C-alpha cells in the first residue's frame, strides 16, 4: 500500500499542537454540532473565487476528522485545477475521473495516506466535461458506495462563482462549508456564492474566514456557525 508524504501545509498532521491546528479542531467540532437531526456524512468544501485557501483548509479539515478516530475519505472533486495530490505528494495519474470514465469501483482508486484513518481519491486526468461528469449517475453511485465504508467524506470542489461544478456536487452533499479569504473578497462576491448554493437548496453549514491576522500566528481558519436559511 502506498504511503503518501504530506507537505508542510498539512499542519494538523505535522504540528498538531499548534494554534492553527487547534483552529481546525474547532472547525471540526462546530461542523459536528451544526445539525441536530441530520447526519452529516458528505461535507463539500468550496470558495467564492480561486486563491482563498480552499484546498489547504479542506485537507487539514479531513486530517482533523481522522484524528478524532473517524474513518475519513477525502475526494478531490476539483477536476479543473486539482491540488490534493500536491499537498499529499503523490501522482494524479489515476483518480476520480478514472473511475467515472471507466466505471471502476471506489476501492480501486482509493489511496492510503500517512495519516491514520485518512484515505484519499485524487482528481485524476482533467476531463473535457467536468460538470457533466460530476453530475453523472456514476458520481452518485460512487458517493453512495463511499457512504458504506467511511464515517466522513470530504469533497474539495472548485470555486462556486467561477464554474457550475460545485453546485452540481452540492446537491449530493449533506452540507457545505464556504471558505472566504479575509480582506480579499467583497461582500457581494460572498453573497453571490451563497445565492448559488441557495439556488440548488444546499445546506450551508457555515463560513471559514481564512488567513485572519493574529498575534499568535500568521494564518488561522475560523468557523462561523451554521446557516439555517
Foldseek 3Di string as FASTA:
>chain_A
DDAFAFDPLLCCVVPVPAPQVVQLLVVLVQLCVLDDPDQFAEEEEAELAPDLCGVSSLNNNQLSVVVVVWQEEEEELALPDWDVCVRRVHDQADFDVNCLVVVDAPVVQWDHYNRHNYIYTTNHHRDPDSQCSCLDPSVLVNVVVVVVPGRHYYYYYYNVNPDPNRLSVLLSGQEYEYEDEPPPDDPVSVVVSVVSNVVSPGFYQFYWHWQDPDPRDRIHTHTDGGDDD
